[in-house]
Amino acid sequence: MSIYMVTIMTFVITWANTGMVDGFLGRWWQAFYIAWPIAFCLILVGAPQLQKLAAMLIRRDFK
């Protein structure tokens, strides 16, 4: 999940900020290299709480 999210987000944000010019892949890789470990840790820490919240919201909608 984190690799999928970070790959797309860093690609789009790098493209929006600098355009598809020389050195794009290097800038994208640097952004990915920094962002992926952070996203991975956030998912490990936050996923259980977000799953509980989603389950609670789903139960509330159907009652």
Protein backbone atom coordinates (compact mmCIF):
# COMPACT_ATOMS: atom_id res chain seq x y z
CA MET A 1 0.00 0.00 0.00
CA SER A 2 2.73 2.47 0.92
CA ILE A 3 4.80 1.79 -2.21
CA TYR A 4 1.74 2.24 -4.44
CA MET A 5 0.70 5.48 -2.75
CA VAL A 6 4.17 7.01 -2.55
CA THR A 7 5.07 6.10 -6.13
CA ILE A 8 2.04 7.87 -7.55
CA MET A 9 2.08 10.85 -5.18
CA THR A 10 5.78 11.64 -5.56
CA PHE A 11 5.54 11.22 -9.34
CA VAL A 12 2.58 13.60 -9.63
CA ILE A 13 3.96 16.20 -7.22
CA THR A 14 7.43 16.14 -8.80
CA TRP A 15 5.85 16.47 -12.23
CA ALA A 16 3.62 19.35 -11.08
CA ASN A 17 6.52 21.21 -9.47
CA THR A 18 9.26 20.73 -12.07
CA GLY A 19 7.65 19.37 -15.22
CA MET A 20 8.86 16.46 -17.29
CA VAL A 21 12.34 17.84 -17.98
CA ASP A 22 15.89 16.51 -17.84
CA GLY A 23 16.66 15.06 -14.45
CA PHE A 24 13.01 14.31 -13.67
CA LEU A 25 13.63 10.68 -12.76
CA GLY A 26 16.44 11.64 -10.40
CA ARG A 27 14.26 14.19 -8.61
CA TRP A 28 11.37 11.75 -8.47
CA TRP A 29 13.61 9.01 -7.05
CA GLN A 30 14.93 11.36 -4.37
CA ALA A 31 11.38 12.32 -3.35
CA PHE A 32 10.36 8.64 -3.33
CA TYR A 33 13.44 7.62 -1.32
CA ILE A 34 12.59 10.19 1.37
CA ALA A 35 8.80 9.70 1.41
CA TRP A 36 8.48 5.91 1.34
CA PRO A 37 9.92 5.10 4.78
CA ILE A 38 7.77 7.83 6.32
CA ALA A 39 4.61 6.57 4.61
CA PHE A 40 5.41 2.98 5.58
CA CYS A 41 5.76 3.90 9.26
CA LEU A 42 2.60 6.01 9.21
CA ILE A 43 0.63 3.13 7.71
CA LEU A 44 1.98 0.69 10.30
CA VAL A 45 1.03 3.02 13.13
CA GLY A 46 -2.19 4.46 11.74
CA ALA A 47 -3.80 1.59 9.84
CA PRO A 48 -5.28 -0.22 12.86
CA GLN A 49 -6.94 2.94 14.16
CA LEU A 50 -8.24 3.87 10.70
CA GLN A 51 -9.66 0.37 10.23
CA LYS A 52 -11.49 0.65 13.57
CA LEU A 53 -12.85 4.06 12.60
CA ALA A 54 -14.02 2.78 9.21
CA ALA A 55 -15.73 -0.23 10.85
CA MET A 56 -17.46 2.05 13.35
CA LEU A 57 -18.69 4.38 10.59
CA ILE A 58 -19.97 1.48 8.50
CA ARG A 59 -21.89 0.01 11.47
CA ARG A 60 -23.37 3.43 12.22
CA ASP A 61 -24.61 3.89 8.63
CA PHE A 62 -26.46 0.57 8.56
CA LYS A 63 -28.22 0.86 11.93
